[in-house]
N, C-alpha and C. Protein backbone atom coordinates (compact mmCIF):
# COMPACT_ATOMS: atom_id res chain seq x y z
N MET A 1 48.46 -1.76 6.60
CA MET A 1 47.04 -1.67 6.87
C MET A 1 46.61 -0.22 6.82
N GLY A 2 45.44 -0.01 6.30
CA GLY A 2 44.90 1.33 6.22
C GLY A 2 45.12 1.96 4.86
N PHE A 3 44.34 2.99 4.57
CA PHE A 3 44.38 3.63 3.26
C PHE A 3 45.75 4.21 2.95
N ASP A 4 46.29 5.01 3.85
CA ASP A 4 47.56 5.69 3.58
C ASP A 4 48.71 4.72 3.37
N GLU A 5 48.81 3.73 4.24
CA GLU A 5 49.90 2.75 4.11
C GLU A 5 49.74 1.91 2.85
N THR A 6 48.52 1.58 2.50
CA THR A 6 48.27 0.82 1.28
C THR A 6 48.62 1.65 0.05
N ALA A 7 48.26 2.92 0.06
CA ALA A 7 48.60 3.80 -1.05
C ALA A 7 50.12 3.91 -1.20
N LYS A 8 50.83 3.98 -0.09
CA LYS A 8 52.30 4.03 -0.15
C LYS A 8 52.87 2.74 -0.75
N ALA A 9 52.32 1.60 -0.34
CA ALA A 9 52.78 0.31 -0.88
C ALA A 9 52.53 0.24 -2.38
N LEU A 10 51.40 0.79 -2.82
CA LEU A 10 51.10 0.82 -4.25
C LEU A 10 52.09 1.73 -4.98
N GLU A 11 52.36 2.89 -4.42
CA GLU A 11 53.30 3.82 -5.05
C GLU A 11 54.69 3.22 -5.18
N LYS A 12 55.09 2.44 -4.18
CA LYS A 12 56.41 1.82 -4.19
C LYS A 12 56.42 0.49 -4.96
N ARG A 13 55.25 0.13 -5.51
CA ARG A 13 55.09 -1.12 -6.27
C ARG A 13 55.43 -2.34 -5.44
N LYS A 14 55.00 -2.32 -4.18
CA LYS A 14 55.26 -3.44 -3.28
C LYS A 14 54.02 -4.30 -3.05
N ALA A 15 52.85 -3.80 -3.40
CA ALA A 15 51.61 -4.53 -3.15
C ALA A 15 51.37 -5.56 -4.24
N GLY A 16 50.98 -6.77 -3.81
CA GLY A 16 50.63 -7.81 -4.76
C GLY A 16 49.13 -8.05 -4.82
N LEU A 17 48.42 -7.55 -3.80
CA LEU A 17 46.98 -7.75 -3.71
C LEU A 17 46.42 -6.75 -2.71
N LEU A 18 45.23 -6.26 -2.97
CA LEU A 18 44.51 -5.43 -2.00
C LEU A 18 43.38 -6.26 -1.43
N VAL A 19 43.21 -6.16 -0.12
CA VAL A 19 42.11 -6.82 0.56
C VAL A 19 41.24 -5.73 1.16
N LEU A 20 39.95 -5.77 0.84
CA LEU A 20 39.02 -4.76 1.31
C LEU A 20 38.00 -5.39 2.24
N ALA A 21 37.69 -4.70 3.33
CA ALA A 21 36.68 -5.17 4.26
C ALA A 21 35.29 -5.00 3.66
N ALA A 22 34.37 -5.81 4.10
CA ALA A 22 33.01 -5.78 3.57
C ALA A 22 32.33 -4.43 3.80
N ASP A 23 32.65 -3.76 4.89
CA ASP A 23 31.99 -2.51 5.22
C ASP A 23 32.83 -1.26 4.90
N LEU A 24 33.82 -1.42 4.03
CA LEU A 24 34.61 -0.27 3.59
C LEU A 24 33.71 0.66 2.78
N SER A 25 33.87 1.94 2.97
CA SER A 25 33.01 2.90 2.26
C SER A 25 33.25 2.82 0.76
N PRO A 26 32.20 3.00 -0.03
CA PRO A 26 32.35 2.97 -1.49
C PRO A 26 33.35 4.00 -2.00
N LYS A 27 33.40 5.17 -1.36
CA LYS A 27 34.34 6.20 -1.77
C LYS A 27 35.79 5.74 -1.59
N SER A 28 36.09 5.18 -0.43
CA SER A 28 37.45 4.69 -0.17
C SER A 28 37.80 3.54 -1.11
N ALA A 29 36.84 2.64 -1.32
CA ALA A 29 37.08 1.50 -2.22
C ALA A 29 37.37 1.99 -3.63
N LYS A 30 36.57 2.92 -4.10
CA LYS A 30 36.77 3.44 -5.46
C LYS A 30 38.14 4.09 -5.61
N GLU A 31 38.53 4.87 -4.64
CA GLU A 31 39.80 5.59 -4.71
C GLU A 31 41.00 4.64 -4.67
N ILE A 32 40.99 3.66 -3.78
CA ILE A 32 42.14 2.76 -3.67
C ILE A 32 42.18 1.81 -4.86
N ILE A 33 41.03 1.39 -5.36
CA ILE A 33 41.01 0.51 -6.53
C ILE A 33 41.52 1.26 -7.76
N ARG A 34 41.21 2.54 -7.84
CA ARG A 34 41.73 3.35 -8.95
C ARG A 34 43.26 3.35 -8.93
N LEU A 35 43.84 3.51 -7.75
CA LEU A 35 45.29 3.48 -7.62
C LEU A 35 45.85 2.10 -7.98
N ALA A 36 45.17 1.05 -7.55
CA ALA A 36 45.62 -0.31 -7.83
C ALA A 36 45.51 -0.65 -9.32
N ASP A 37 44.46 -0.17 -9.95
CA ASP A 37 44.26 -0.45 -11.38
C ASP A 37 45.41 0.10 -12.22
N ARG A 38 45.99 1.18 -11.80
CA ARG A 38 47.13 1.75 -12.54
C ARG A 38 48.30 0.78 -12.64
N GLN A 39 48.39 -0.13 -11.67
CA GLN A 39 49.50 -1.09 -11.63
C GLN A 39 49.04 -2.52 -11.85
N ASN A 40 47.79 -2.68 -12.27
CA ASN A 40 47.25 -4.02 -12.52
C ASN A 40 47.25 -4.89 -11.26
N ILE A 41 46.97 -4.31 -10.11
CA ILE A 41 46.92 -5.04 -8.86
C ILE A 41 45.46 -5.40 -8.57
N ASN A 42 45.21 -6.65 -8.27
CA ASN A 42 43.85 -7.09 -7.97
C ASN A 42 43.41 -6.61 -6.60
N ALA A 43 42.09 -6.40 -6.48
CA ALA A 43 41.48 -6.04 -5.21
C ALA A 43 40.37 -7.04 -4.93
N VAL A 44 40.35 -7.59 -3.74
CA VAL A 44 39.30 -8.53 -3.36
C VAL A 44 38.59 -8.02 -2.12
N ARG A 45 37.30 -8.21 -2.11
CA ARG A 45 36.51 -7.82 -0.94
C ARG A 45 36.16 -9.09 -0.19
N LEU A 46 36.58 -9.14 1.05
CA LEU A 46 36.29 -10.30 1.89
C LEU A 46 34.98 -10.08 2.64
N ASP A 47 34.40 -11.16 3.09
CA ASP A 47 33.15 -11.09 3.84
C ASP A 47 33.45 -10.92 5.33
N VAL A 48 34.31 -9.96 5.66
CA VAL A 48 34.64 -9.63 7.04
C VAL A 48 34.56 -8.12 7.20
N THR A 49 34.20 -7.68 8.38
CA THR A 49 34.08 -6.25 8.64
C THR A 49 35.40 -5.68 9.14
N MET A 50 35.46 -4.37 9.20
CA MET A 50 36.64 -3.71 9.76
C MET A 50 36.84 -4.09 11.22
N ASP A 51 35.76 -4.24 11.95
CA ASP A 51 35.88 -4.65 13.36
C ASP A 51 36.44 -6.07 13.48
N GLU A 52 36.03 -6.96 12.59
CA GLU A 52 36.57 -8.32 12.61
C GLU A 52 38.06 -8.32 12.28
N LEU A 53 38.46 -7.49 11.33
CA LEU A 53 39.89 -7.36 11.04
C LEU A 53 40.63 -6.79 12.24
N TRP A 54 40.04 -5.82 12.90
CA TRP A 54 40.63 -5.21 14.09
C TRP A 54 40.87 -6.26 15.16
N TYR A 55 39.86 -7.10 15.39
CA TYR A 55 39.98 -8.15 16.39
C TYR A 55 41.11 -9.13 16.02
N THR A 56 41.19 -9.46 14.75
CA THR A 56 42.18 -10.44 14.29
C THR A 56 43.58 -9.87 14.20
N LEU A 57 43.70 -8.65 13.68
CA LEU A 57 45.01 -8.07 13.38
C LEU A 57 45.51 -7.06 14.40
N GLY A 58 44.62 -6.57 15.25
CA GLY A 58 45.03 -5.61 16.26
C GLY A 58 44.99 -4.17 15.81
N LYS A 59 44.50 -3.92 14.62
CA LYS A 59 44.36 -2.56 14.12
C LYS A 59 43.10 -2.50 13.27
N ARG A 60 42.30 -1.47 13.49
CA ARG A 60 41.07 -1.33 12.71
C ARG A 60 41.42 -0.72 11.36
N ALA A 61 41.16 -1.47 10.31
CA ALA A 61 41.44 -1.00 8.96
C ALA A 61 40.48 -1.69 8.00
N GLY A 62 40.15 -0.99 6.94
CA GLY A 62 39.27 -1.55 5.93
C GLY A 62 40.01 -1.93 4.66
N ILE A 63 41.28 -1.54 4.59
CA ILE A 63 42.09 -1.82 3.41
C ILE A 63 43.43 -2.39 3.86
N LEU A 64 43.83 -3.48 3.23
CA LEU A 64 45.12 -4.09 3.51
C LEU A 64 45.85 -4.30 2.19
N ALA A 65 47.15 -4.06 2.20
CA ALA A 65 47.99 -4.39 1.05
C ALA A 65 48.79 -5.63 1.42
N VAL A 66 48.69 -6.65 0.59
CA VAL A 66 49.48 -7.86 0.79
C VAL A 66 50.74 -7.68 -0.06
N THR A 67 51.89 -7.64 0.61
CA THR A 67 53.14 -7.35 -0.10
C THR A 67 53.93 -8.61 -0.44
N GLU A 68 53.56 -9.73 0.12
CA GLU A 68 54.22 -10.99 -0.17
C GLU A 68 53.41 -11.71 -1.26
N GLN A 69 54.01 -11.88 -2.44
CA GLN A 69 53.26 -12.43 -3.58
C GLN A 69 52.74 -13.83 -3.32
N GLY A 70 53.50 -14.66 -2.63
CA GLY A 70 53.04 -16.01 -2.31
C GLY A 70 51.77 -15.98 -1.47
N LEU A 71 51.73 -15.09 -0.48
CA LEU A 71 50.55 -14.95 0.36
C LEU A 71 49.38 -14.40 -0.46
N ALA A 72 49.66 -13.44 -1.31
CA ALA A 72 48.61 -12.88 -2.17
C ALA A 72 47.99 -13.98 -3.04
N ASP A 73 48.83 -14.80 -3.63
CA ASP A 73 48.33 -15.90 -4.47
C ASP A 73 47.50 -16.88 -3.66
N LYS A 74 47.92 -17.16 -2.44
CA LYS A 74 47.21 -18.11 -1.57
C LYS A 74 45.84 -17.54 -1.17
N ILE A 75 45.78 -16.26 -0.86
CA ILE A 75 44.51 -15.63 -0.51
C ILE A 75 43.54 -15.73 -1.68
N VAL A 76 44.01 -15.44 -2.87
CA VAL A 76 43.16 -15.53 -4.05
C VAL A 76 42.68 -16.96 -4.24
N ALA A 77 43.58 -17.93 -4.09
CA ALA A 77 43.20 -19.33 -4.27
C ALA A 77 42.20 -19.80 -3.21
N LEU A 78 42.42 -19.42 -1.96
CA LEU A 78 41.55 -19.87 -0.88
C LEU A 78 40.17 -19.23 -0.90
N THR A 79 40.10 -18.01 -1.35
CA THR A 79 38.83 -17.30 -1.34
C THR A 79 38.10 -17.42 -2.67
N GLY A 80 38.78 -17.96 -3.68
CA GLY A 80 38.17 -17.99 -5.00
C GLY A 80 37.99 -16.59 -5.53
N ALA A 81 38.79 -15.69 -4.99
CA ALA A 81 38.65 -14.26 -5.30
C ALA A 81 39.22 -13.94 -6.66
N ARG A 82 38.72 -12.84 -7.17
CA ARG A 82 39.23 -12.27 -8.40
C ARG A 82 39.13 -10.77 -8.22
N GLN A 83 39.59 -10.02 -9.19
CA GLN A 83 39.49 -8.57 -9.05
C GLN A 83 38.04 -8.20 -8.82
N ASP A 84 37.81 -7.30 -7.90
CA ASP A 84 36.46 -6.89 -7.54
C ASP A 84 35.93 -5.96 -8.62
N GLU A 85 35.38 -6.55 -9.68
CA GLU A 85 34.92 -5.76 -10.83
C GLU A 85 33.79 -4.81 -10.47
N GLU A 86 32.92 -5.24 -9.57
CA GLU A 86 31.82 -4.37 -9.17
C GLU A 86 32.35 -3.11 -8.52
N GLU A 87 33.38 -3.24 -7.69
CA GLU A 87 33.95 -2.08 -7.02
C GLU A 87 34.66 -1.17 -8.00
N SER A 88 35.23 -1.73 -9.06
CA SER A 88 35.94 -0.92 -10.04
C SER A 88 35.01 0.07 -10.70
N GLU A 89 33.72 -0.27 -10.73
CA GLU A 89 32.75 0.59 -11.38
C GLU A 89 32.12 1.59 -10.43
N VAL A 90 32.38 1.49 -9.12
CA VAL A 90 31.77 2.37 -8.13
C VAL A 90 32.29 3.78 -8.30
């Protein structure tokens, strides 16, 4: 969870999906998506805030790296998510 840990997961090629909070700053979204694009990793923006993630996960973060491919696939299937093309252009 968080920008730094997600960037490390991307560098180590462990991330299967990026999950972005609805209220993540455009600058942070653009930067992390740029890193993910280098490895063809999808990024999805959920309709939840960083505070909602904090309540659910116990840590306030706007970026999550999903490292388990099965879970990443399930999140995409359940949310109908695809790569956040709009964010890629930010």
